[in-house]
Amino acid sequence: MGEEKDLLSSLVLELRRGTLVLSVLSQMKEPKYGYALVQSLEEKGVAIDPNTLYPLLRRLESQKLLESSWETGGSKPRKYYHRTEYGTQVYMELKEHWQQLTHSMEQLWKEEDI
């Protein structure tokens, strides 16, 4: 039973990882700093650990999908991220692929005899 639970947990984690880029890009039209992004995602049912988010933000920035800037006017400096024009184009294409994929999955599930 323990191996089956470990396998299921591993598969769920793999499935979630595949959605994180799309989830993050969906929230980055307006500038957000990391903690605000964690909260925004969690409010919408997408839990993400900061130890996962920050490397992802840096990777998306290195891929030119996000840009960052420092805000130093508050009580402590914060690094804000937002989608680039290229990032918006990629996000829209990913979103379209996601919609096609979910439509296909719905079709597959309709065929089940469970």
N, C-alpha and C. Protein backbone atom coordinates (compact mmCIF):
# COMPACT_ATOMS: atom_id res chain seq x y z
N MET A 1 0.82 -1.19 0.00
CA MET A 1 0.00 0.00 0.00
C MET A 1 0.87 1.26 0.00
N GLY A 2 1.98 1.24 0.74
CA GLY A 2 2.87 2.39 0.82
C GLY A 2 3.49 2.74 -0.51
N GLU A 3 3.87 1.70 -1.29
CA GLU A 3 4.46 1.95 -2.60
C GLU A 3 3.45 2.57 -3.55
N GLU A 4 2.20 2.11 -3.47
CA GLU A 4 1.15 2.67 -4.33
C GLU A 4 0.91 4.14 -3.99
N LYS A 5 0.91 4.46 -2.70
CA LYS A 5 0.70 5.85 -2.28
C LYS A 5 1.88 6.72 -2.74
N ASP A 6 3.10 6.18 -2.61
CA ASP A 6 4.29 6.91 -3.07
C ASP A 6 4.23 7.15 -4.58
N LEU A 7 3.79 6.15 -5.31
CA LEU A 7 3.68 6.28 -6.76
C LEU A 7 2.66 7.35 -7.11
N LEU A 8 1.49 7.29 -6.48
CA LEU A 8 0.45 8.28 -6.75
C LEU A 8 0.95 9.68 -6.42
N SER A 9 1.60 9.83 -5.27
CA SER A 9 2.14 11.15 -4.89
C SER A 9 3.15 11.65 -5.92
N SER A 10 3.97 10.76 -6.40
CA SER A 10 4.97 11.12 -7.40
C SER A 10 4.31 11.55 -8.70
N LEU A 11 3.27 10.84 -9.12
CA LEU A 11 2.57 11.18 -10.36
C LEU A 11 1.82 12.49 -10.23
N VAL A 12 1.20 12.74 -9.08
CA VAL A 12 0.51 14.00 -8.85
C VAL A 12 1.51 15.15 -8.88
N LEU A 13 2.66 14.97 -8.24
CA LEU A 13 3.71 15.99 -8.25
C LEU A 13 4.18 16.28 -9.68
N GLU A 14 4.35 15.25 -10.47
CA GLU A 14 4.77 15.42 -11.86
C GLU A 14 3.71 16.19 -12.66
N LEU A 15 2.46 15.87 -12.43
CA LEU A 15 1.36 16.57 -13.10
C LEU A 15 1.34 18.05 -12.71
N ARG A 16 1.50 18.33 -11.41
CA ARG A 16 1.51 19.71 -10.92
C ARG A 16 2.68 20.50 -11.49
N ARG A 17 3.84 19.88 -11.56
CA ARG A 17 5.02 20.57 -12.09
C ARG A 17 4.76 21.07 -13.50
N GLY A 18 4.04 20.27 -14.27
CA GLY A 18 3.75 20.64 -15.64
C GLY A 18 2.82 21.83 -15.76
N THR A 19 2.12 22.16 -14.70
CA THR A 19 1.17 23.27 -14.76
C THR A 19 1.71 24.54 -14.13
N LEU A 20 2.82 24.47 -13.43
CA LEU A 20 3.31 25.64 -12.69
C LEU A 20 3.72 26.79 -13.58
N VAL A 21 4.37 26.52 -14.70
CA VAL A 21 4.78 27.61 -15.60
C VAL A 21 3.54 28.35 -16.09
N LEU A 22 2.54 27.61 -16.53
CA LEU A 22 1.31 28.23 -17.01
C LEU A 22 0.61 28.99 -15.89
N SER A 23 0.59 28.42 -14.70
CA SER A 23 -0.03 29.08 -13.55
C SER A 23 0.67 30.39 -13.22
N VAL A 24 1.98 30.37 -13.18
CA VAL A 24 2.75 31.58 -12.85
C VAL A 24 2.57 32.64 -13.94
N LEU A 25 2.72 32.24 -15.19
CA LEU A 25 2.58 33.21 -16.27
C LEU A 25 1.19 33.84 -16.29
N SER A 26 0.18 33.08 -15.89
CA SER A 26 -1.19 33.61 -15.90
C SER A 26 -1.36 34.76 -14.92
N GLN A 27 -0.51 34.82 -13.90
CA GLN A 27 -0.65 35.83 -12.85
C GLN A 27 0.29 37.02 -13.02
N MET A 28 1.05 37.05 -14.09
CA MET A 28 2.14 38.03 -14.19
C MET A 28 1.87 39.16 -15.18
N LYS A 29 0.61 39.42 -15.48
CA LYS A 29 0.30 40.56 -16.36
C LYS A 29 0.70 41.86 -15.68
N GLU A 30 0.40 41.97 -14.40
CA GLU A 30 0.80 43.11 -13.59
C GLU A 30 1.98 42.70 -12.71
N PRO A 31 2.88 43.62 -12.40
CA PRO A 31 4.04 43.27 -11.56
C PRO A 31 3.63 42.71 -10.20
N LYS A 32 4.32 41.66 -9.80
CA LYS A 32 4.12 41.05 -8.49
C LYS A 32 5.47 40.64 -7.92
N TYR A 33 5.59 40.71 -6.62
CA TYR A 33 6.78 40.17 -5.98
C TYR A 33 6.46 38.75 -5.52
N GLY A 34 7.48 38.00 -5.20
CA GLY A 34 7.33 36.57 -4.94
C GLY A 34 6.26 36.20 -3.94
N TYR A 35 6.28 36.80 -2.77
CA TYR A 35 5.31 36.42 -1.73
C TYR A 35 3.88 36.73 -2.17
N ALA A 36 3.68 37.86 -2.83
CA ALA A 36 2.35 38.22 -3.34
C ALA A 36 1.88 37.20 -4.38
N LEU A 37 2.81 36.70 -5.17
CA LEU A 37 2.48 35.69 -6.17
C LEU A 37 2.09 34.38 -5.49
N VAL A 38 2.82 33.99 -4.46
CA VAL A 38 2.47 32.77 -3.70
C VAL A 38 1.05 32.90 -3.18
N GLN A 39 0.74 34.04 -2.58
CA GLN A 39 -0.60 34.26 -2.02
C GLN A 39 -1.67 34.25 -3.12
N SER A 40 -1.41 34.91 -4.23
CA SER A 40 -2.36 34.97 -5.33
C SER A 40 -2.66 33.57 -5.86
N LEU A 41 -1.63 32.78 -6.04
CA LEU A 41 -1.82 31.42 -6.53
C LEU A 41 -2.58 30.57 -5.52
N GLU A 42 -2.20 30.68 -4.24
CA GLU A 42 -2.87 29.88 -3.21
C GLU A 42 -4.34 30.24 -3.09
N GLU A 43 -4.69 31.52 -3.24
CA GLU A 43 -6.09 31.94 -3.20
C GLU A 43 -6.90 31.27 -4.31
N LYS A 44 -6.23 30.91 -5.39
CA LYS A 44 -6.90 30.29 -6.53
C LYS A 44 -6.72 28.78 -6.54
N GLY A 45 -6.21 28.22 -5.44
CA GLY A 45 -6.09 26.77 -5.30
C GLY A 45 -4.82 26.16 -5.84
N VAL A 46 -3.82 26.98 -6.15
CA VAL A 46 -2.55 26.48 -6.67
C VAL A 46 -1.48 26.74 -5.61
N ALA A 47 -1.23 25.72 -4.80
CA ALA A 47 -0.20 25.85 -3.77
C ALA A 47 1.18 25.72 -4.41
N ILE A 48 2.06 26.63 -4.03
CA ILE A 48 3.44 26.57 -4.54
C ILE A 48 4.38 26.98 -3.42
N ASP A 49 5.37 26.19 -3.21
CA ASP A 49 6.37 26.46 -2.18
C ASP A 49 7.31 27.55 -2.69
N PRO A 50 7.66 28.52 -1.84
CA PRO A 50 8.61 29.56 -2.27
C PRO A 50 9.92 28.98 -2.79
N ASN A 51 10.35 27.84 -2.26
CA ASN A 51 11.59 27.20 -2.72
C ASN A 51 11.45 26.66 -4.14
N THR A 52 10.24 26.50 -4.60
CA THR A 52 9.97 26.12 -5.99
C THR A 52 9.76 27.36 -6.84
N LEU A 53 9.06 28.34 -6.28
CA LEU A 53 8.70 29.54 -7.04
C LEU A 53 9.91 30.38 -7.45
N TYR A 54 10.78 30.70 -6.52
CA TYR A 54 11.87 31.63 -6.83
C TYR A 54 12.82 31.12 -7.93
N PRO A 55 13.22 29.85 -7.89
CA PRO A 55 14.02 29.36 -9.03
C PRO A 55 13.24 29.39 -10.34
N LEU A 56 11.93 29.13 -10.28
CA LEU A 56 11.11 29.18 -11.48
C LEU A 56 11.05 30.61 -12.03
N LEU A 57 10.88 31.59 -11.15
CA LEU A 57 10.87 32.99 -11.59
C LEU A 57 12.19 33.36 -12.26
N ARG A 58 13.29 32.95 -11.67
CA ARG A 58 14.60 33.25 -12.26
C ARG A 58 14.77 32.57 -13.62
N ARG A 59 14.28 31.34 -13.73
CA ARG A 59 14.37 30.62 -15.01
C ARG A 59 13.51 31.31 -16.07
N LEU A 60 12.30 31.68 -15.71
CA LEU A 60 11.42 32.37 -16.66
C LEU A 60 12.03 33.72 -17.08
N GLU A 61 12.71 34.37 -16.16
CA GLU A 61 13.39 35.62 -16.51
C GLU A 61 14.55 35.35 -17.47
N SER A 62 15.32 34.31 -17.22
CA SER A 62 16.44 34.00 -18.11
C SER A 62 15.95 33.58 -19.49
N GLN A 63 14.71 33.07 -19.57
CA GLN A 63 14.12 32.69 -20.85
C GLN A 63 13.41 33.87 -21.53
N LYS A 64 13.53 35.05 -20.91
CA LYS A 64 12.95 36.30 -21.44
C LYS A 64 11.42 36.31 -21.41
N LEU A 65 10.80 35.47 -20.58
CA LEU A 65 9.35 35.45 -20.43
C LEU A 65 8.90 36.43 -19.37
N LEU A 66 9.79 36.72 -18.42
CA LEU A 66 9.53 37.69 -17.36
C LEU A 66 10.66 38.70 -17.32
N GLU A 67 10.35 39.87 -16.78
CA GLU A 67 11.36 40.89 -16.46
C GLU A 67 11.20 41.20 -14.99
N SER A 68 12.26 41.68 -14.38
CA SER A 68 12.18 42.04 -12.97
C SER A 68 12.73 43.44 -12.76
N SER A 69 12.27 44.03 -11.67
CA SER A 69 12.80 45.33 -11.25
C SER A 69 12.69 45.41 -9.74
N TRP A 70 13.59 46.16 -9.14
CA TRP A 70 13.59 46.31 -7.69
C TRP A 70 12.78 47.54 -7.29
N GLU A 71 11.98 47.40 -6.28
CA GLU A 71 11.24 48.51 -5.67
C GLU A 71 11.87 48.73 -4.30
N THR A 72 12.46 49.90 -4.12
CA THR A 72 13.18 50.17 -2.88
C THR A 72 12.50 51.23 -2.02
N GLY A 73 11.31 51.66 -2.41
CA GLY A 73 10.64 52.73 -1.68
C GLY A 73 9.95 52.30 -0.40
N GLY A 74 9.71 51.03 -0.22
CA GLY A 74 8.99 50.54 0.95
C GLY A 74 9.90 50.27 2.12
N SER A 75 9.37 49.53 3.09
CA SER A 75 10.14 49.22 4.30
C SER A 75 11.33 48.30 4.00
N LYS A 76 11.18 47.46 2.96
CA LYS A 76 12.31 46.63 2.53
C LYS A 76 12.24 46.48 1.01
N PRO A 77 13.40 46.33 0.38
CA PRO A 77 13.42 46.20 -1.08
C PRO A 77 12.69 44.93 -1.53
N ARG A 78 11.96 45.04 -2.63
CA ARG A 78 11.25 43.89 -3.19
C ARG A 78 11.54 43.82 -4.68
N LYS A 79 11.71 42.60 -5.14
CA LYS A 79 11.93 42.37 -6.57
C LYS A 79 10.58 42.00 -7.19
N TYR A 80 10.14 42.82 -8.13
CA TYR A 80 8.87 42.61 -8.82
C TYR A 80 9.13 41.98 -10.18
N TYR A 81 8.27 41.05 -10.54
CA TYR A 81 8.34 40.39 -11.84
C TYR A 81 7.07 40.69 -12.62
N HIS A 82 7.20 40.76 -13.94
CA HIS A 82 6.02 40.87 -14.80
C HIS A 82 6.36 40.24 -16.15
N ARG A 83 5.29 39.85 -16.86
CA ARG A 83 5.47 39.22 -18.17
C ARG A 83 6.00 40.22 -19.18
N THR A 84 6.88 39.75 -20.01
CA THR A 84 7.34 40.53 -21.16
C THR A 84 6.32 40.35 -22.29
N GLU A 85 6.48 41.11 -23.33
CA GLU A 85 5.62 40.93 -24.51
C GLU A 85 5.78 39.51 -25.06
N TYR A 86 7.02 39.06 -25.11
CA TYR A 86 7.31 37.69 -25.55
C TYR A 86 6.66 36.69 -24.58
N GLY A 87 6.75 36.97 -23.30
CA GLY A 87 6.14 36.10 -22.30
C GLY A 87 4.64 36.01 -22.47
N THR A 88 4.01 37.11 -22.84
CA THR A 88 2.56 37.10 -23.09
C THR A 88 2.24 36.26 -24.31
N GLN A 89 3.05 36.36 -25.36
CA GLN A 89 2.83 35.54 -26.56
C GLN A 89 2.95 34.06 -26.21
N VAL A 90 4.00 33.71 -25.48
CA VAL A 90 4.21 32.31 -25.09
C VAL A 90 3.07 31.85 -24.19
N TYR A 91 2.67 32.69 -23.23
CA TYR A 91 1.56 32.35 -22.34
C TYR A 91 0.29 32.06 -23.13
N MET A 92 -0.03 32.90 -24.10
CA MET A 92 -1.25 32.70 -24.89
C MET A 92 -1.18 31.39 -25.68
N GLU A 93 -0.02 31.07 -26.22
CA GLU A 93 0.13 29.81 -26.94
C GLU A 93 0.03 28.61 -26.00
N LEU A 94 0.67 28.71 -24.84
CA LEU A 94 0.56 27.63 -23.86
C LEU A 94 -0.88 27.44 -23.40
N LYS A 95 -1.56 28.54 -23.20
CA LYS A 95 -2.96 28.49 -22.79
C LYS A 95 -3.81 27.78 -23.84
N GLU A 96 -3.56 28.07 -25.11
CA GLU A 96 -4.28 27.41 -26.19
C GLU A 96 -4.00 25.91 -26.19
N HIS A 97 -2.73 25.53 -26.02
CA HIS A 97 -2.38 24.11 -25.96
C HIS A 97 -3.06 23.45 -24.77
N TRP A 98 -3.08 24.15 -23.64
CA TRP A 98 -3.73 23.61 -22.43
C TRP A 98 -5.22 23.37 -22.70
N GLN A 99 -5.88 24.32 -23.33
CA GLN A 99 -7.31 24.18 -23.62
C GLN A 99 -7.56 23.00 -24.56
N GLN A 100 -6.71 22.82 -25.55
CA GLN A 100 -6.85 21.68 -26.46
C GLN A 100 -6.63 20.37 -25.71
N LEU A 101 -5.62 20.36 -24.85
CA LEU A 101 -5.32 19.16 -24.07
C LEU A 101 -6.46 18.80 -23.13
N THR A 102 -7.00 19.79 -22.43
CA THR A 102 -8.09 19.50 -21.50
C THR A 102 -9.34 19.06 -22.26
N HIS A 103 -9.57 19.63 -23.44
CA HIS A 103 -10.70 19.18 -24.26
C HIS A 103 -10.50 17.71 -24.66
N SER A 104 -9.29 17.36 -25.07
CA SER A 104 -9.00 15.98 -25.45
C SER A 104 -9.18 15.03 -24.27
N MET A 105 -8.73 15.46 -23.09
CA MET A 105 -8.88 14.62 -21.90
C MET A 105 -10.36 14.43 -21.57
N GLU A 106 -11.15 15.48 -21.69
CA GLU A 106 -12.59 15.37 -21.45
C GLU A 106 -13.21 14.35 -22.41
N GLN A 107 -12.78 14.36 -23.66
CA GLN A 107 -13.29 13.40 -24.63
C GLN A 107 -12.92 11.98 -24.23
N LEU A 108 -11.69 11.79 -23.79
CA LEU A 108 -11.25 10.46 -23.34
C LEU A 108 -12.07 9.98 -22.15
N TRP A 109 -12.31 10.88 -21.20
CA TRP A 109 -13.04 10.50 -19.99
C TRP A 109 -14.50 10.19 -20.28
N LYS A 110 -15.06 10.81 -21.30
CA LYS A 110 -16.46 10.53 -21.66
C LYS A 110 -16.61 9.10 -22.15
N GLU A 111 -15.53 8.52 -22.66
CA GLU A 111 -15.56 7.16 -23.18
C GLU A 111 -15.45 6.10 -22.09
N GLU A 112 -15.11 6.50 -20.89
CA GLU A 112 -14.92 5.54 -19.80
C GLU A 112 -16.23 4.88 -19.41
N ASP A 113 -16.13 3.66 -18.95
CA ASP A 113 -17.30 2.92 -18.48
C ASP A 113 -17.23 2.72 -16.97
N ILE A 114 -16.70 3.68 -16.26
CA ILE A 114 -16.56 3.53 -14.81
C ILE A 114 -17.83 3.94 -14.10
